[in-house]
């Protein structure tokens, strides 16, 4: 095996290490304790989205995660027409 073949094989492990490091940083480990304080519906939605991202596809997981998340927010909203104000522009 020549040196070129060895160098060519080193690229994949290096890229895998970079992807693992990026995923770890994106998961914000310092926030994990706060995730346990979220309502049960939010925690279930978080786990569902994470599992679907790994098992299926990121685009599919986001689509599935946004729909129930939006429904939860609409169900729990407290804003009425009387206490609504114009947005700052």
N, C-alpha and C. Protein backbone atom coordinates (compact mmCIF):
# COMPACT_ATOMS: atom_id res chain seq x y z
N UNK A 1 0.85 -1.17 0.00
CA UNK A 1 0.00 0.00 0.00
C UNK A 1 0.90 1.24 0.00
N UNK A 2 0.61 2.16 -0.88
CA UNK A 2 1.45 3.35 -0.99
C UNK A 2 1.03 4.42 0.02
N UNK A 3 1.86 5.44 0.17
CA UNK A 3 1.58 6.52 1.10
C UNK A 3 0.33 7.29 0.69
N UNK A 4 0.09 7.41 -0.60
CA UNK A 4 -1.09 8.11 -1.09
C UNK A 4 -2.38 7.44 -0.66
N UNK A 5 -2.38 6.11 -0.68
CA UNK A 5 -3.57 5.38 -0.24
C UNK A 5 -3.80 5.57 1.25
N UNK A 6 -2.73 5.60 2.03
CA UNK A 6 -2.87 5.82 3.49
C UNK A 6 -3.43 7.21 3.78
N UNK A 7 -2.91 8.20 3.07
CA UNK A 7 -3.38 9.58 3.27
C UNK A 7 -4.85 9.69 2.85
N UNK A 8 -5.21 9.02 1.77
CA UNK A 8 -6.59 9.04 1.31
C UNK A 8 -7.54 8.43 2.32
N UNK A 9 -7.10 7.43 3.05
CA UNK A 9 -7.95 6.79 4.06
C UNK A 9 -8.03 7.59 5.35
N UNK A 10 -7.12 8.52 5.55
CA UNK A 10 -7.14 9.32 6.78
C UNK A 10 -8.24 10.39 6.74
N UNK A 11 -8.71 10.75 5.56
CA UNK A 11 -9.70 11.82 5.45
C UNK A 11 -11.03 11.46 6.11
N UNK A 12 -11.50 10.26 5.92
CA UNK A 12 -12.80 9.87 6.48
C UNK A 12 -12.82 9.89 8.01
N UNK A 13 -11.85 9.31 8.70
CA UNK A 13 -11.87 9.41 10.17
C UNK A 13 -11.76 10.85 10.66
N UNK A 14 -10.98 11.66 9.97
CA UNK A 14 -10.85 13.06 10.37
C UNK A 14 -12.17 13.79 10.19
N UNK A 15 -12.86 13.56 9.10
CA UNK A 15 -14.17 14.18 8.89
C UNK A 15 -15.19 13.67 9.89
N UNK A 16 -15.13 12.38 10.22
CA UNK A 16 -16.04 11.82 11.21
C UNK A 16 -15.81 12.48 12.57
N UNK A 17 -14.57 12.69 12.94
CA UNK A 17 -14.27 13.34 14.21
C UNK A 17 -14.79 14.77 14.22
N UNK A 18 -14.64 15.48 13.12
CA UNK A 18 -15.16 16.85 13.04
C UNK A 18 -16.68 16.87 13.15
N UNK A 19 -17.35 15.92 12.52
CA UNK A 19 -18.81 15.87 12.61
C UNK A 19 -19.28 15.55 14.02
N UNK A 20 -18.58 14.65 14.70
CA UNK A 20 -18.95 14.32 16.08
C UNK A 20 -18.76 15.54 16.98
N UNK A 21 -17.66 16.24 16.81
CA UNK A 21 -17.40 17.44 17.60
C UNK A 21 -18.45 18.52 17.32
N UNK A 22 -18.81 18.71 16.08
CA UNK A 22 -19.83 19.70 15.73
C UNK A 22 -21.19 19.33 16.32
N UNK A 23 -21.55 18.06 16.25
CA UNK A 23 -22.83 17.62 16.81
C UNK A 23 -22.85 17.81 18.32
N UNK A 24 -21.74 17.52 18.99
CA UNK A 24 -21.66 17.71 20.44
C UNK A 24 -21.85 19.18 20.80
N UNK A 25 -21.19 20.06 20.09
CA UNK A 25 -21.31 21.49 20.39
C UNK A 25 -22.70 22.03 20.06
N UNK A 26 -23.31 21.51 19.02
CA UNK A 26 -24.65 21.96 18.66
C UNK A 26 -25.69 21.49 19.66
N UNK A 27 -25.44 20.40 20.36
CA UNK A 27 -26.41 19.90 21.33
C UNK A 27 -26.41 20.71 22.62
N UNK A 28 -25.47 21.63 22.79
CA UNK A 28 -25.39 22.54 23.92
C UNK A 28 -25.47 21.78 25.25
N UNK A 29 -24.43 21.02 25.60
CA UNK A 29 -24.46 20.21 26.82
C UNK A 29 -24.70 21.02 28.09
N UNK A 30 -24.32 22.28 28.11
CA UNK A 30 -24.55 23.10 29.29
C UNK A 30 -26.03 23.40 29.50
N UNK A 31 -26.87 23.15 28.51
CA UNK A 31 -28.31 23.40 28.61
C UNK A 31 -29.10 22.15 29.00
N UNK A 32 -28.45 21.00 29.08
CA UNK A 32 -29.18 19.75 29.30
C UNK A 32 -29.96 19.76 30.61
N UNK A 33 -29.41 20.33 31.66
CA UNK A 33 -30.12 20.37 32.94
C UNK A 33 -31.40 21.20 32.81
N UNK A 34 -31.36 22.25 32.02
CA UNK A 34 -32.56 23.07 31.82
C UNK A 34 -33.62 22.34 31.01
N UNK A 35 -33.20 21.44 30.14
CA UNK A 35 -34.17 20.68 29.35
C UNK A 35 -35.06 19.82 30.25
N UNK A 36 -34.53 19.36 31.36
CA UNK A 36 -35.32 18.54 32.27
C UNK A 36 -36.40 19.35 32.97
N UNK A 37 -36.27 20.66 32.99
CA UNK A 37 -37.26 21.53 33.63
C UNK A 37 -38.39 21.92 32.68
N UNK A 38 -38.27 21.56 31.41
CA UNK A 38 -39.30 21.89 30.43
C UNK A 38 -40.55 21.07 30.69
N UNK A 39 -41.70 21.52 30.19
CA UNK A 39 -42.92 20.71 30.28
C UNK A 39 -42.73 19.37 29.57
N UNK A 40 -43.50 18.40 29.98
CA UNK A 40 -43.37 17.05 29.41
C UNK A 40 -43.58 17.05 27.90
N UNK A 41 -44.51 17.85 27.41
CA UNK A 41 -44.76 17.87 25.97
C UNK A 41 -43.52 18.36 25.21
N UNK A 42 -42.82 19.35 25.76
CA UNK A 42 -41.61 19.85 25.10
C UNK A 42 -40.48 18.83 25.14
N UNK A 43 -40.35 18.12 26.25
CA UNK A 43 -39.31 17.09 26.34
C UNK A 43 -39.57 15.96 25.37
N UNK A 44 -40.82 15.54 25.27
CA UNK A 44 -41.18 14.46 24.34
C UNK A 44 -40.90 14.90 22.90
N UNK A 45 -41.25 16.14 22.60
CA UNK A 45 -41.01 16.68 21.26
C UNK A 45 -39.51 16.74 20.96
N UNK A 46 -38.71 17.12 21.93
CA UNK A 46 -37.26 17.17 21.76
C UNK A 46 -36.69 15.79 21.48
N UNK A 47 -37.10 14.81 22.27
CA UNK A 47 -36.60 13.44 22.08
C UNK A 47 -37.08 12.89 20.74
N UNK A 48 -38.34 13.13 20.40
CA UNK A 48 -38.88 12.66 19.12
C UNK A 48 -38.09 13.22 17.95
N UNK A 49 -37.81 14.51 18.00
CA UNK A 49 -37.07 15.15 16.92
C UNK A 49 -35.65 14.60 16.83
N UNK A 50 -35.00 14.40 17.98
CA UNK A 50 -33.64 13.84 17.98
C UNK A 50 -33.62 12.43 17.40
N UNK A 51 -34.57 11.61 17.82
CA UNK A 51 -34.61 10.23 17.33
C UNK A 51 -34.89 10.19 15.83
N UNK A 52 -35.84 11.01 15.38
CA UNK A 52 -36.14 11.03 13.94
C UNK A 52 -34.97 11.55 13.13
N UNK A 53 -34.20 12.49 13.69
CA UNK A 53 -33.03 13.00 12.98
C UNK A 53 -32.02 11.89 12.75
N UNK A 54 -31.81 11.06 13.76
CA UNK A 54 -30.82 9.98 13.65
C UNK A 54 -31.35 8.83 12.80
N UNK A 55 -32.62 8.47 13.00
CA UNK A 55 -33.16 7.28 12.36
C UNK A 55 -33.64 7.52 10.92
N UNK A 56 -34.14 8.73 10.63
CA UNK A 56 -34.74 8.95 9.32
C UNK A 56 -33.94 10.00 8.55
N UNK A 57 -34.21 11.28 8.85
CA UNK A 57 -33.61 12.36 8.07
C UNK A 57 -33.86 13.66 8.80
N UNK A 58 -32.95 14.60 8.69
CA UNK A 58 -33.09 15.87 9.38
C UNK A 58 -34.30 16.65 8.88
N UNK A 59 -34.51 16.68 7.58
CA UNK A 59 -35.64 17.42 7.02
C UNK A 59 -36.96 16.85 7.50
N UNK A 60 -37.07 15.55 7.51
CA UNK A 60 -38.29 14.88 7.98
C UNK A 60 -38.50 15.16 9.47
N UNK A 61 -37.44 15.09 10.26
CA UNK A 61 -37.55 15.31 11.70
C UNK A 61 -38.00 16.73 12.01
N UNK A 62 -37.46 17.70 11.28
CA UNK A 62 -37.88 19.08 11.51
C UNK A 62 -39.34 19.27 11.13
N UNK A 63 -39.74 18.69 10.03
CA UNK A 63 -41.15 18.79 9.63
C UNK A 63 -42.08 18.17 10.65
N UNK A 64 -41.73 17.02 11.16
CA UNK A 64 -42.55 16.37 12.18
C UNK A 64 -42.49 17.14 13.50
N UNK A 65 -41.34 17.68 13.85
CA UNK A 65 -41.21 18.39 15.11
C UNK A 65 -41.91 19.74 15.13
N UNK A 66 -41.94 20.41 13.99
CA UNK A 66 -42.56 21.74 13.93
C UNK A 66 -44.08 21.64 14.09
N UNK A 67 -44.69 20.66 13.50
CA UNK A 67 -46.15 20.57 13.53
C UNK A 67 -46.71 20.43 14.95
N UNK A 68 -46.30 19.43 15.73
CA UNK A 68 -46.83 19.36 17.10
C UNK A 68 -46.35 20.52 17.96
N UNK A 69 -45.15 21.01 17.72
CA UNK A 69 -44.65 22.14 18.49
C UNK A 69 -45.52 23.37 18.28
N UNK A 70 -45.90 23.58 17.07
CA UNK A 70 -46.79 24.71 16.76
C UNK A 70 -48.16 24.51 17.41
N UNK A 71 -48.66 23.30 17.37
CA UNK A 71 -49.96 23.01 17.99
C UNK A 71 -49.89 23.23 19.50
N UNK A 72 -48.80 22.82 20.15
CA UNK A 72 -48.64 23.04 21.59
C UNK A 72 -48.63 24.53 21.91
N UNK A 73 -47.92 25.31 21.10
CA UNK A 73 -47.84 26.76 21.35
C UNK A 73 -49.20 27.42 21.17
N UNK A 74 -49.93 27.03 20.15
CA UNK A 74 -51.26 27.60 19.94
C UNK A 74 -52.21 27.24 21.07
N UNK A 75 -52.09 26.02 21.57
CA UNK A 75 -52.96 25.57 22.65
C UNK A 75 -52.67 26.33 23.95
N UNK A 76 -51.40 26.63 24.19
CA UNK A 76 -51.00 27.24 25.46
C UNK A 76 -50.88 28.76 25.41
N UNK A 77 -51.22 29.37 24.31
CA UNK A 77 -51.04 30.82 24.22
C UNK A 77 -52.04 31.54 25.12
N UNK A 78 -51.60 32.68 25.63
CA UNK A 78 -52.43 33.46 26.54
C UNK A 78 -52.81 34.81 25.94
N UNK A 79 -52.33 35.11 24.75
CA UNK A 79 -52.61 36.41 24.14
C UNK A 79 -54.03 36.43 23.59
N UNK A 80 -54.75 37.48 23.93
CA UNK A 80 -56.07 37.70 23.38
C UNK A 80 -56.02 38.99 22.56
N UNK A 81 -57.10 39.27 21.89
CA UNK A 81 -57.13 40.49 21.08
C UNK A 81 -57.06 41.74 21.95
N UNK A 82 -57.55 41.66 23.19
CA UNK A 82 -57.57 42.83 24.06
C UNK A 82 -56.17 43.22 24.53
N UNK A 83 -55.28 42.25 24.79
CA UNK A 83 -53.95 42.58 25.32
C UNK A 83 -52.87 42.55 24.23
N UNK A 84 -53.27 42.58 22.99
CA UNK A 84 -52.31 42.57 21.89
C UNK A 84 -51.85 43.99 21.59
N UNK A 85 -50.60 44.15 21.26
CA UNK A 85 -50.07 45.46 20.90
C UNK A 85 -49.42 45.37 19.52
N UNK A 86 -49.23 46.50 18.91
CA UNK A 86 -48.60 46.55 17.61
C UNK A 86 -47.13 46.21 17.73
N UNK A 87 -46.55 45.51 16.77
CA UNK A 87 -45.12 45.19 16.85
C UNK A 87 -44.27 46.43 16.63
N UNK A 88 -43.08 46.43 17.22
CA UNK A 88 -42.13 47.51 16.99
C UNK A 88 -41.50 47.32 15.62
N UNK A 89 -41.42 48.39 14.86
CA UNK A 89 -40.85 48.30 13.52
C UNK A 89 -39.74 49.27 13.36
